[in-house]
């Protein structure tokens, strides 16, 4: 019996941490580029089905209180960023793991 093998690509970011929600857009743009590079770059060698980012890939909790974090960085889920990830995952038939400071609801 043949075994199917899939690969995971672990991606690391090297960008300044955003200090507000406005800075998350640039990070998401870069992370989406990295997904394309990982999936298409491995295409001749392996079938990447999971792309993983660091725990604080979108924004690290740089504020000293949860209230400050909610005021400056937290975003509702779902949002325009998660919509972009869903589109990218469907395009490449992959799973994407990432996290961001979030709150549920409005």
N, C-alpha and C. Protein backbone atom coordinates (compact mmCIF):
# COMPACT_ATOMS: atom_id res chain seq x y z
N UNK A 1 0.85 -1.17 0.00
CA UNK A 1 0.00 0.00 0.00
C UNK A 1 0.90 1.25 0.00
N UNK A 2 0.64 2.15 -0.91
CA UNK A 2 1.43 3.38 -1.02
C UNK A 2 0.98 4.37 0.05
N UNK A 3 1.95 5.08 0.57
CA UNK A 3 1.67 6.09 1.57
C UNK A 3 1.79 7.47 0.93
N UNK A 4 0.77 8.30 1.11
CA UNK A 4 0.85 9.67 0.60
C UNK A 4 1.59 10.52 1.61
N UNK A 5 2.47 11.36 1.13
CA UNK A 5 3.23 12.24 2.00
C UNK A 5 2.95 13.68 1.62
N UNK A 6 2.74 14.48 2.64
CA UNK A 6 2.55 15.90 2.46
C UNK A 6 3.58 16.62 3.30
N UNK A 7 3.92 17.81 2.89
CA UNK A 7 4.94 18.58 3.59
C UNK A 7 4.31 19.78 4.28
N UNK A 8 5.01 20.24 5.31
CA UNK A 8 4.66 21.48 6.00
C UNK A 8 5.81 22.45 5.79
N UNK A 9 5.48 23.69 5.56
CA UNK A 9 6.49 24.74 5.42
C UNK A 9 6.38 25.66 6.63
N UNK A 10 7.47 25.79 7.36
CA UNK A 10 7.51 26.69 8.51
C UNK A 10 8.14 28.00 8.05
N UNK A 11 7.40 29.08 8.16
CA UNK A 11 7.85 30.39 7.68
C UNK A 11 8.16 31.29 8.87
N UNK A 12 9.21 32.07 8.74
CA UNK A 12 9.62 33.00 9.78
C UNK A 12 9.65 34.41 9.21
N UNK A 13 9.16 35.36 9.97
CA UNK A 13 9.12 36.76 9.53
C UNK A 13 10.27 37.55 10.14
N UNK A 14 10.73 38.53 9.40
CA UNK A 14 11.76 39.44 9.90
C UNK A 14 11.33 40.86 9.54
N UNK A 15 10.33 41.33 10.27
CA UNK A 15 9.80 42.68 10.06
C UNK A 15 9.55 43.31 11.42
N UNK A 16 9.57 44.63 11.46
CA UNK A 16 9.23 45.28 12.74
C UNK A 16 7.81 44.93 13.17
N UNK A 17 7.62 44.80 14.46
CA UNK A 17 6.30 44.50 15.00
C UNK A 17 5.38 45.71 14.85
N UNK A 18 4.16 45.52 14.36
CA UNK A 18 3.24 46.65 14.29
C UNK A 18 2.85 47.13 15.69
N UNK A 19 2.59 48.41 15.80
CA UNK A 19 2.15 48.98 17.08
C UNK A 19 0.68 49.37 17.03
N UNK A 20 0.05 49.18 15.85
CA UNK A 20 -1.37 49.46 15.70
C UNK A 20 -1.95 48.52 14.66
N UNK A 21 -3.28 48.47 14.59
CA UNK A 21 -3.95 47.61 13.62
C UNK A 21 -3.54 47.94 12.18
N UNK A 22 -3.25 49.21 11.91
CA UNK A 22 -2.88 49.61 10.55
C UNK A 22 -1.64 48.87 10.06
N UNK A 23 -0.75 48.52 10.94
CA UNK A 23 0.47 47.82 10.55
C UNK A 23 0.28 46.35 10.21
N UNK A 24 -0.86 45.80 10.56
CA UNK A 24 -1.11 44.39 10.31
C UNK A 24 -1.27 44.12 8.81
N UNK A 25 -1.82 45.08 8.07
CA UNK A 25 -2.01 44.89 6.63
C UNK A 25 -0.71 44.52 5.92
N UNK A 26 0.36 45.24 6.24
CA UNK A 26 1.65 44.98 5.61
C UNK A 26 2.16 43.57 5.97
N UNK A 27 1.95 43.18 7.20
CA UNK A 27 2.38 41.84 7.62
C UNK A 27 1.61 40.77 6.86
N UNK A 28 0.31 40.95 6.74
CA UNK A 28 -0.51 39.97 6.03
C UNK A 28 -0.07 39.89 4.56
N UNK A 29 0.18 41.04 3.94
CA UNK A 29 0.67 41.04 2.56
C UNK A 29 1.92 40.17 2.45
N UNK A 30 2.86 40.36 3.36
CA UNK A 30 4.11 39.61 3.32
C UNK A 30 3.88 38.12 3.58
N UNK A 31 3.00 37.80 4.52
CA UNK A 31 2.72 36.40 4.83
C UNK A 31 2.05 35.69 3.64
N UNK A 32 1.19 36.39 2.93
CA UNK A 32 0.57 35.80 1.75
C UNK A 32 1.59 35.55 0.65
N UNK A 33 2.54 36.47 0.49
CA UNK A 33 3.65 36.25 -0.46
C UNK A 33 4.45 35.01 -0.07
N UNK A 34 4.73 34.89 1.22
CA UNK A 34 5.52 33.75 1.70
C UNK A 34 4.80 32.43 1.45
N UNK A 35 3.48 32.44 1.56
CA UNK A 35 2.70 31.23 1.27
C UNK A 35 2.89 30.83 -0.19
N UNK A 36 2.77 31.81 -1.08
CA UNK A 36 2.98 31.51 -2.51
C UNK A 36 4.38 30.95 -2.75
N UNK A 37 5.39 31.58 -2.16
CA UNK A 37 6.77 31.10 -2.34
C UNK A 37 6.95 29.69 -1.81
N UNK A 38 6.40 29.41 -0.65
CA UNK A 38 6.57 28.09 -0.04
C UNK A 38 5.90 27.01 -0.89
N UNK A 39 4.67 27.25 -1.30
CA UNK A 39 3.92 26.23 -2.04
C UNK A 39 4.50 26.03 -3.43
N UNK A 40 4.73 27.11 -4.16
CA UNK A 40 5.23 26.96 -5.53
C UNK A 40 6.71 26.59 -5.56
N UNK A 41 7.46 27.03 -4.56
CA UNK A 41 8.88 26.68 -4.51
C UNK A 41 9.13 25.21 -4.29
N UNK A 42 8.29 24.59 -3.50
CA UNK A 42 8.44 23.15 -3.23
C UNK A 42 7.75 22.29 -4.28
N UNK A 43 6.94 22.90 -5.12
CA UNK A 43 6.12 22.14 -6.07
C UNK A 43 6.89 21.06 -6.84
N UNK A 44 8.09 21.33 -7.34
CA UNK A 44 8.78 20.26 -8.07
C UNK A 44 9.24 19.11 -7.17
N UNK A 45 9.33 19.35 -5.88
CA UNK A 45 9.89 18.36 -4.96
C UNK A 45 8.87 17.70 -4.04
N UNK A 46 7.90 18.48 -3.60
CA UNK A 46 6.99 17.97 -2.58
C UNK A 46 5.66 18.73 -2.62
N UNK A 47 4.65 18.10 -2.07
CA UNK A 47 3.31 18.67 -2.01
C UNK A 47 3.10 19.32 -0.64
N UNK A 48 3.31 20.63 -0.57
CA UNK A 48 3.10 21.36 0.69
C UNK A 48 1.60 21.50 0.91
N UNK A 49 1.14 21.06 2.06
CA UNK A 49 -0.27 21.16 2.40
C UNK A 49 -0.52 21.96 3.68
N UNK A 50 0.55 22.32 4.38
CA UNK A 50 0.43 23.10 5.61
C UNK A 50 1.51 24.16 5.62
N UNK A 51 1.10 25.41 5.80
CA UNK A 51 2.05 26.52 5.95
C UNK A 51 1.84 27.09 7.35
N UNK A 52 2.95 27.17 8.10
CA UNK A 52 2.89 27.54 9.51
C UNK A 52 3.69 28.81 9.74
N UNK A 53 3.11 29.72 10.52
CA UNK A 53 3.77 30.96 10.91
C UNK A 53 3.97 30.99 12.42
N UNK A 54 4.87 31.85 12.91
CA UNK A 54 5.10 31.94 14.35
C UNK A 54 3.84 32.36 15.10
N UNK A 55 3.87 32.07 16.38
CA UNK A 55 2.72 32.39 17.24
C UNK A 55 2.30 33.85 17.13
N UNK A 56 3.24 34.75 17.08
CA UNK A 56 2.90 36.17 17.00
C UNK A 56 3.29 36.73 15.64
N UNK A 57 2.99 35.98 14.59
CA UNK A 57 3.34 36.40 13.24
C UNK A 57 2.69 37.71 12.82
N UNK A 58 1.46 37.92 13.23
CA UNK A 58 0.78 39.16 12.84
C UNK A 58 1.19 40.33 13.72
N UNK A 59 1.26 40.10 14.98
CA UNK A 59 1.64 41.15 15.93
C UNK A 59 1.86 40.52 17.30
N UNK A 60 2.98 40.86 17.90
CA UNK A 60 3.26 40.37 19.25
C UNK A 60 2.52 41.23 20.27
N UNK A 61 2.18 40.65 21.41
CA UNK A 61 1.48 41.42 22.45
C UNK A 61 2.46 42.36 23.16
N UNK A 62 2.76 43.48 22.53
CA UNK A 62 3.81 44.38 23.02
C UNK A 62 3.35 45.33 24.11
N UNK A 63 2.08 45.30 24.43
CA UNK A 63 1.56 46.21 25.46
C UNK A 63 1.50 45.51 26.81
N UNK A 64 1.60 46.29 27.87
CA UNK A 64 1.69 45.68 29.20
C UNK A 64 0.35 45.25 29.79
N UNK A 65 -0.75 45.67 29.20
CA UNK A 65 -2.05 45.23 29.71
C UNK A 65 -2.92 44.71 28.56
N UNK A 66 -3.86 43.86 28.92
CA UNK A 66 -4.79 43.33 27.93
C UNK A 66 -5.66 44.44 27.34
N UNK A 67 -6.00 45.43 28.16
CA UNK A 67 -6.82 46.54 27.68
C UNK A 67 -6.08 47.32 26.58
N UNK A 68 -4.78 47.57 26.78
CA UNK A 68 -4.00 48.26 25.75
C UNK A 68 -3.91 47.41 24.48
N UNK A 69 -3.74 46.13 24.65
CA UNK A 69 -3.68 45.23 23.51
C UNK A 69 -4.99 45.29 22.73
N UNK A 70 -6.11 45.24 23.43
CA UNK A 70 -7.41 45.34 22.77
C UNK A 70 -7.58 46.67 22.05
N UNK A 71 -7.10 47.75 22.66
CA UNK A 71 -7.24 49.09 22.07
C UNK A 71 -6.41 49.26 20.80
N UNK A 72 -5.22 48.66 20.75
CA UNK A 72 -4.28 48.96 19.69
C UNK A 72 -4.10 47.88 18.63
N UNK A 73 -4.19 46.61 19.00
CA UNK A 73 -3.84 45.55 18.05
C UNK A 73 -4.92 44.50 17.80
N UNK A 74 -5.77 44.24 18.74
CA UNK A 74 -6.74 43.16 18.58
C UNK A 74 -7.71 43.46 17.45
N UNK A 75 -8.08 42.42 16.73
CA UNK A 75 -9.02 42.54 15.62
C UNK A 75 -10.13 41.52 15.78
N UNK A 76 -11.33 41.84 15.29
CA UNK A 76 -12.41 40.86 15.37
C UNK A 76 -12.13 39.70 14.41
N UNK A 77 -12.64 38.55 14.75
CA UNK A 77 -12.53 37.36 13.91
C UNK A 77 -13.95 36.93 13.55
N UNK A 78 -14.28 36.74 12.29
CA UNK A 78 -13.48 36.89 11.07
C UNK A 78 -13.28 38.37 10.72
N UNK A 79 -12.34 38.60 9.80
CA UNK A 79 -12.04 39.95 9.33
C UNK A 79 -11.47 39.88 7.92
N UNK A 80 -11.09 41.02 7.38
CA UNK A 80 -10.58 41.05 6.00
C UNK A 80 -9.30 40.22 5.86
N UNK A 81 -8.51 40.13 6.92
CA UNK A 81 -7.28 39.34 6.86
C UNK A 81 -7.61 37.85 6.79
N UNK A 82 -8.50 37.39 7.64
CA UNK A 82 -8.86 35.97 7.61
C UNK A 82 -9.51 35.62 6.27
N UNK A 83 -10.27 36.55 5.70
CA UNK A 83 -10.86 36.31 4.38
C UNK A 83 -9.78 36.09 3.33
N UNK A 84 -8.71 36.86 3.41
CA UNK A 84 -7.60 36.71 2.46
C UNK A 84 -6.91 35.36 2.64
N UNK A 85 -6.74 34.92 3.88
CA UNK A 85 -6.13 33.61 4.13
C UNK A 85 -7.01 32.47 3.60
N UNK A 86 -8.31 32.60 3.80
CA UNK A 86 -9.23 31.58 3.29
C UNK A 86 -9.10 31.48 1.77
N UNK A 87 -9.07 32.62 1.11
CA UNK A 87 -8.93 32.64 -0.35
C UNK A 87 -7.61 31.97 -0.78
N UNK A 88 -6.52 32.30 -0.10
CA UNK A 88 -5.21 31.74 -0.44
C UNK A 88 -5.19 30.23 -0.17
N UNK A 89 -5.77 29.80 0.92
CA UNK A 89 -5.80 28.36 1.24
C UNK A 89 -6.58 27.60 0.18
N UNK A 90 -7.69 28.14 -0.26
CA UNK A 90 -8.48 27.48 -1.30
C UNK A 90 -7.71 27.46 -2.62
N UNK A 91 -7.03 28.55 -2.93
CA UNK A 91 -6.26 28.64 -4.17
C UNK A 91 -5.22 27.52 -4.25
N UNK A 92 -4.51 27.28 -3.14
CA UNK A 92 -3.42 26.30 -3.13
C UNK A 92 -3.83 24.94 -2.57
N UNK A 93 -5.07 24.81 -2.11
CA UNK A 93 -5.54 23.57 -1.48
C UNK A 93 -4.63 23.20 -0.30
N UNK A 94 -4.47 24.15 0.62
CA UNK A 94 -3.60 23.98 1.79
C UNK A 94 -4.32 24.41 3.06
N UNK A 95 -3.63 24.17 4.17
CA UNK A 95 -4.03 24.69 5.47
C UNK A 95 -3.00 25.72 5.88
N UNK A 96 -3.46 26.77 6.56
CA UNK A 96 -2.56 27.83 7.03
C UNK A 96 -2.74 27.96 8.53
N UNK A 97 -1.64 27.93 9.26
CA UNK A 97 -1.68 28.11 10.71
C UNK A 97 -1.01 29.44 11.04
N UNK A 98 -1.69 30.24 11.81
CA UNK A 98 -1.14 31.51 12.27
C UNK A 98 -1.97 32.00 13.44
N UNK A 99 -1.53 33.03 14.08
CA UNK A 99 -2.31 33.59 15.17
C UNK A 99 -2.10 35.09 15.20
N UNK A 100 -3.05 35.77 15.79
CA UNK A 100 -2.95 37.21 15.95
C UNK A 100 -3.73 37.61 17.20
N UNK A 101 -3.42 38.78 17.74
CA UNK A 101 -4.25 39.25 18.85
C UNK A 101 -5.66 39.46 18.33
N UNK A 102 -6.62 38.80 18.93
CA UNK A 102 -7.97 38.90 18.40
C UNK A 102 -8.99 38.97 19.52
N UNK A 103 -10.16 39.40 19.13
CA UNK A 103 -11.31 39.27 20.00
C UNK A 103 -12.44 38.80 19.11
N UNK A 104 -13.40 38.12 19.70
CA UNK A 104 -14.52 37.59 18.94
C UNK A 104 -15.67 38.55 19.08
N UNK A 105 -16.30 38.85 17.96
CA UNK A 105 -17.45 39.75 17.96
C UNK A 105 -17.02 41.19 17.87
N UNK A 106 -17.97 42.05 17.98
CA UNK A 106 -17.69 43.49 17.87
C UNK A 106 -17.94 44.19 19.18
